[in-house]
N, C-alpha and C. Protein backbone atom coordinates (compact mmCIF):
# COMPACT_ATOMS: atom_id res chain seq x y z
N MET A 1 24.56 -4.88 -17.29
CA MET A 1 23.25 -5.48 -17.07
C MET A 1 22.63 -4.87 -15.80
N MET A 2 21.38 -4.47 -15.90
CA MET A 2 20.71 -3.79 -14.79
C MET A 2 20.02 -4.80 -13.87
N MET A 3 20.26 -4.67 -12.55
CA MET A 3 19.59 -5.53 -11.57
C MET A 3 18.22 -4.95 -11.28
N ASP A 4 17.23 -5.81 -11.07
CA ASP A 4 15.92 -5.27 -10.72
C ASP A 4 15.93 -4.81 -9.26
N VAL A 5 14.95 -3.97 -8.92
CA VAL A 5 14.89 -3.37 -7.59
C VAL A 5 14.83 -4.42 -6.50
N ALA A 6 14.02 -5.46 -6.70
CA ALA A 6 13.88 -6.50 -5.68
C ALA A 6 15.20 -7.21 -5.41
N ALA A 7 16.03 -7.40 -6.44
CA ALA A 7 17.30 -8.09 -6.27
C ALA A 7 18.25 -7.28 -5.39
N LYS A 8 18.15 -5.96 -5.39
CA LYS A 8 19.01 -5.10 -4.59
C LYS A 8 18.48 -4.89 -3.17
N ARG A 9 17.26 -5.25 -2.93
CA ARG A 9 16.60 -4.98 -1.66
C ARG A 9 17.18 -5.85 -0.55
N THR A 10 17.32 -5.26 0.63
CA THR A 10 17.79 -6.02 1.79
C THR A 10 16.74 -6.04 2.90
N ASP A 11 15.77 -5.13 2.85
CA ASP A 11 14.74 -5.04 3.89
C ASP A 11 13.42 -5.59 3.36
N PHE A 12 13.12 -6.82 3.71
CA PHE A 12 11.90 -7.48 3.23
C PHE A 12 10.84 -7.57 4.32
N THR A 13 10.87 -6.66 5.29
CA THR A 13 9.93 -6.73 6.41
C THR A 13 8.53 -6.30 5.99
N TRP A 14 7.56 -6.72 6.80
CA TRP A 14 6.18 -6.31 6.56
C TRP A 14 6.05 -4.79 6.71
N GLU A 15 6.78 -4.20 7.64
CA GLU A 15 6.73 -2.75 7.84
C GLU A 15 7.16 -2.01 6.58
N THR A 16 8.22 -2.46 5.94
CA THR A 16 8.69 -1.84 4.70
C THR A 16 7.67 -2.04 3.59
N TYR A 17 7.11 -3.22 3.51
CA TYR A 17 6.10 -3.51 2.48
C TYR A 17 4.88 -2.59 2.66
N ALA A 18 4.40 -2.46 3.89
CA ALA A 18 3.24 -1.61 4.18
C ALA A 18 3.54 -0.15 3.85
N ARG A 19 4.73 0.30 4.18
CA ARG A 19 5.13 1.68 3.89
C ARG A 19 5.16 1.93 2.38
N GLU A 20 5.70 0.99 1.62
CA GLU A 20 5.75 1.14 0.16
C GLU A 20 4.35 1.07 -0.45
N LEU A 21 3.50 0.22 0.09
CA LEU A 21 2.11 0.17 -0.36
C LEU A 21 1.46 1.53 -0.13
N GLY A 22 1.71 2.14 1.01
CA GLY A 22 1.18 3.47 1.30
C GLY A 22 1.67 4.51 0.31
N HIS A 23 2.96 4.46 -0.04
CA HIS A 23 3.50 5.39 -1.04
C HIS A 23 2.83 5.18 -2.39
N ASN A 24 2.60 3.92 -2.75
CA ASN A 24 1.94 3.63 -4.03
C ASN A 24 0.51 4.15 -4.04
N LEU A 25 -0.19 4.02 -2.93
CA LEU A 25 -1.54 4.58 -2.84
C LEU A 25 -1.50 6.10 -3.01
N HIS A 26 -0.55 6.72 -2.36
CA HIS A 26 -0.42 8.18 -2.44
C HIS A 26 -0.16 8.62 -3.89
N ARG A 27 0.79 7.96 -4.56
CA ARG A 27 1.11 8.32 -5.95
C ARG A 27 -0.09 8.15 -6.86
N ALA A 28 -0.82 7.04 -6.69
CA ALA A 28 -2.00 6.79 -7.53
C ALA A 28 -3.08 7.83 -7.27
N ARG A 29 -3.25 8.21 -6.01
CA ARG A 29 -4.26 9.22 -5.67
C ARG A 29 -3.89 10.57 -6.26
N MET A 30 -2.62 10.95 -6.16
CA MET A 30 -2.18 12.22 -6.71
C MET A 30 -2.35 12.25 -8.23
N ALA A 31 -2.08 11.13 -8.88
CA ALA A 31 -2.23 11.04 -10.34
C ALA A 31 -3.69 11.26 -10.76
N LYS A 32 -4.63 10.87 -9.90
CA LYS A 32 -6.06 11.06 -10.17
C LYS A 32 -6.57 12.40 -9.66
N ASP A 33 -5.70 13.16 -8.97
CA ASP A 33 -6.06 14.47 -8.41
C ASP A 33 -7.27 14.37 -7.48
N LEU A 34 -7.22 13.38 -6.59
CA LEU A 34 -8.30 13.17 -5.62
C LEU A 34 -7.79 13.46 -4.21
N SER A 35 -8.67 13.92 -3.35
CA SER A 35 -8.32 14.12 -1.94
C SER A 35 -8.36 12.76 -1.23
N GLN A 36 -7.68 12.69 -0.10
CA GLN A 36 -7.74 11.47 0.71
C GLN A 36 -9.18 11.18 1.12
N GLU A 37 -9.90 12.23 1.48
CA GLU A 37 -11.29 12.05 1.92
C GLU A 37 -12.16 11.48 0.80
N ARG A 38 -11.93 11.94 -0.43
CA ARG A 38 -12.74 11.46 -1.56
C ARG A 38 -12.44 9.98 -1.84
N VAL A 39 -11.18 9.62 -1.84
CA VAL A 39 -10.81 8.22 -2.06
C VAL A 39 -11.42 7.35 -0.97
N ALA A 40 -11.29 7.79 0.27
CA ALA A 40 -11.84 7.02 1.39
C ALA A 40 -13.34 6.83 1.22
N HIS A 41 -14.05 7.90 0.92
CA HIS A 41 -15.50 7.83 0.75
C HIS A 41 -15.88 6.86 -0.38
N LEU A 42 -15.24 7.00 -1.52
CA LEU A 42 -15.56 6.15 -2.67
C LEU A 42 -15.24 4.68 -2.42
N ALA A 43 -14.21 4.43 -1.59
CA ALA A 43 -13.81 3.05 -1.28
C ALA A 43 -14.54 2.48 -0.07
N GLY A 44 -15.38 3.30 0.57
CA GLY A 44 -16.13 2.82 1.73
C GLY A 44 -15.31 2.76 3.01
N LEU A 45 -14.31 3.64 3.12
CA LEU A 45 -13.45 3.67 4.30
C LEU A 45 -13.65 4.98 5.05
N ALA A 46 -13.30 4.96 6.31
CA ALA A 46 -13.25 6.20 7.07
C ALA A 46 -12.04 7.01 6.58
N GLY A 47 -12.18 8.32 6.57
CA GLY A 47 -11.08 9.18 6.12
C GLY A 47 -9.80 8.94 6.89
N TYR A 48 -9.91 8.79 8.21
CA TYR A 48 -8.75 8.55 9.05
C TYR A 48 -8.06 7.24 8.69
N THR A 49 -8.85 6.23 8.38
CA THR A 49 -8.28 4.93 8.00
C THR A 49 -7.45 5.07 6.74
N TYR A 50 -7.99 5.76 5.74
CA TYR A 50 -7.23 5.93 4.50
C TYR A 50 -5.97 6.77 4.73
N GLN A 51 -6.07 7.80 5.55
CA GLN A 51 -4.89 8.62 5.84
C GLN A 51 -3.78 7.75 6.43
N LYS A 52 -4.14 6.87 7.34
CA LYS A 52 -3.16 5.97 7.95
C LYS A 52 -2.60 5.01 6.90
N PHE A 53 -3.44 4.53 5.98
CA PHE A 53 -2.96 3.63 4.93
C PHE A 53 -1.86 4.29 4.11
N GLU A 54 -2.02 5.55 3.76
CA GLU A 54 -0.98 6.22 2.98
C GLU A 54 0.33 6.33 3.76
N LYS A 55 0.25 6.26 5.07
CA LYS A 55 1.46 6.26 5.90
C LYS A 55 1.98 4.83 6.12
N GLY A 56 1.23 3.84 5.63
CA GLY A 56 1.63 2.45 5.81
C GLY A 56 1.25 1.90 7.17
N GLU A 57 0.33 2.57 7.86
CA GLU A 57 -0.06 2.17 9.21
C GLU A 57 -1.55 1.86 9.30
N SER A 58 -1.90 1.09 10.31
CA SER A 58 -3.32 0.93 10.64
C SER A 58 -3.60 1.68 11.94
N ARG A 59 -2.65 1.62 12.86
CA ARG A 59 -2.65 2.41 14.09
C ARG A 59 -1.22 2.92 14.23
N PRO A 60 -1.01 3.97 14.98
CA PRO A 60 0.37 4.46 15.13
C PRO A 60 1.31 3.34 15.57
N GLY A 61 2.37 3.17 14.81
CA GLY A 61 3.36 2.16 15.13
C GLY A 61 3.03 0.75 14.69
N THR A 62 1.88 0.55 14.03
CA THR A 62 1.46 -0.77 13.58
C THR A 62 1.30 -0.74 12.06
N PRO A 63 2.05 -1.59 11.33
CA PRO A 63 1.92 -1.57 9.88
C PRO A 63 0.52 -1.99 9.43
N MET A 64 0.07 -1.36 8.35
CA MET A 64 -1.26 -1.70 7.86
C MET A 64 -1.28 -3.11 7.31
N ASN A 65 -2.46 -3.70 7.36
CA ASN A 65 -2.69 -5.03 6.82
C ASN A 65 -4.13 -5.05 6.30
N PRO A 66 -4.36 -4.30 5.19
CA PRO A 66 -5.74 -4.17 4.71
C PRO A 66 -6.29 -5.47 4.17
N ARG A 67 -7.60 -5.58 4.23
CA ARG A 67 -8.29 -6.75 3.67
C ARG A 67 -8.21 -6.69 2.15
N LEU A 68 -8.30 -7.85 1.53
CA LEU A 68 -8.24 -7.93 0.07
C LEU A 68 -9.35 -7.10 -0.57
N ASN A 69 -10.57 -7.15 -0.02
CA ASN A 69 -11.65 -6.38 -0.64
C ASN A 69 -11.40 -4.88 -0.52
N THR A 70 -10.69 -4.44 0.51
CA THR A 70 -10.34 -3.03 0.65
C THR A 70 -9.33 -2.64 -0.43
N LEU A 71 -8.33 -3.48 -0.65
CA LEU A 71 -7.34 -3.20 -1.69
C LEU A 71 -7.98 -3.16 -3.07
N ILE A 72 -8.90 -4.08 -3.33
CA ILE A 72 -9.58 -4.09 -4.62
C ILE A 72 -10.43 -2.84 -4.78
N ALA A 73 -11.14 -2.43 -3.73
CA ALA A 73 -11.93 -1.20 -3.79
C ALA A 73 -11.04 0.00 -4.08
N LEU A 74 -9.89 0.08 -3.43
CA LEU A 74 -8.98 1.18 -3.67
C LEU A 74 -8.44 1.17 -5.10
N SER A 75 -8.12 -0.01 -5.62
CA SER A 75 -7.63 -0.08 -6.99
C SER A 75 -8.72 0.36 -7.98
N GLN A 76 -9.97 0.04 -7.68
CA GLN A 76 -11.07 0.47 -8.55
C GLN A 76 -11.28 1.97 -8.47
N VAL A 77 -11.27 2.53 -7.27
CA VAL A 77 -11.45 3.98 -7.10
C VAL A 77 -10.31 4.74 -7.80
N LEU A 78 -9.09 4.25 -7.64
CA LEU A 78 -7.92 4.92 -8.20
C LEU A 78 -7.70 4.56 -9.68
N GLU A 79 -8.49 3.62 -10.17
CA GLU A 79 -8.43 3.18 -11.57
C GLU A 79 -7.04 2.70 -11.97
N VAL A 80 -6.46 1.87 -11.11
CA VAL A 80 -5.18 1.23 -11.39
C VAL A 80 -5.31 -0.26 -11.07
N PRO A 81 -4.62 -1.11 -11.80
CA PRO A 81 -4.65 -2.53 -11.46
C PRO A 81 -4.09 -2.75 -10.06
N LEU A 82 -4.67 -3.67 -9.35
CA LEU A 82 -4.23 -3.97 -7.99
C LEU A 82 -2.72 -4.22 -7.94
N VAL A 83 -2.21 -4.93 -8.90
CA VAL A 83 -0.78 -5.25 -8.91
C VAL A 83 0.08 -3.99 -8.95
N ASP A 84 -0.43 -2.89 -9.50
CA ASP A 84 0.33 -1.64 -9.53
C ASP A 84 0.39 -0.96 -8.17
N LEU A 85 -0.51 -1.30 -7.29
CA LEU A 85 -0.47 -0.74 -5.94
C LEU A 85 0.49 -1.52 -5.04
N LEU A 86 0.67 -2.80 -5.33
CA LEU A 86 1.50 -3.65 -4.47
C LEU A 86 2.98 -3.41 -4.73
N PRO A 87 3.79 -3.38 -3.68
CA PRO A 87 5.24 -3.24 -3.85
C PRO A 87 5.79 -4.39 -4.70
N ASP A 88 6.98 -4.18 -5.24
CA ASP A 88 7.59 -5.13 -6.17
C ASP A 88 8.39 -6.24 -5.50
N PHE A 89 8.10 -6.52 -4.24
CA PHE A 89 8.78 -7.62 -3.55
C PHE A 89 7.79 -8.29 -2.61
N HIS A 90 8.14 -9.49 -2.21
CA HIS A 90 7.31 -10.24 -1.25
C HIS A 90 7.93 -10.08 0.13
N PRO A 91 7.14 -9.62 1.10
CA PRO A 91 7.67 -9.46 2.44
C PRO A 91 7.84 -10.79 3.14
N GLU A 92 8.70 -10.81 4.15
CA GLU A 92 8.85 -11.98 4.99
C GLU A 92 7.67 -12.02 5.95
N VAL A 93 6.79 -13.00 5.78
CA VAL A 93 5.64 -13.10 6.65
C VAL A 93 5.64 -14.39 7.47
N LEU A 94 6.44 -15.33 7.07
CA LEU A 94 6.54 -16.58 7.81
C LEU A 94 7.72 -16.50 8.77
N GLU A 95 7.50 -16.91 10.00
CA GLU A 95 8.56 -16.86 11.00
C GLU A 95 9.75 -17.68 10.56
N GLY A 96 10.93 -17.11 10.70
CA GLY A 96 12.16 -17.81 10.34
C GLY A 96 12.50 -17.74 8.86
N GLN A 97 11.70 -17.05 8.06
CA GLN A 97 11.97 -16.94 6.63
C GLN A 97 13.12 -15.95 6.41
N HIS A 98 14.03 -16.24 5.50
CA HIS A 98 15.15 -15.33 5.20
C HIS A 98 15.10 -14.93 3.76
């Protein structure tokens, strides 16, 4: 019997979640054969902001935390359901959560 990816996961941090979200954005963009600049422009973002998103950051050393409307805009530009951009696990966001 195969375990799902989330069941095997041990790192549920926001940093890991943001990094995986960035990887998902990158994969979706590559599948559409779009440049980072084009995606940023179509989604109403600065090019630098989108570049950082693909790295999972908002500023160097700070995990990204995009607004919901930004995520929806990106899903529309990339023509993928929002749920396909989100990592397959829920990060620990509440203090003391295990």
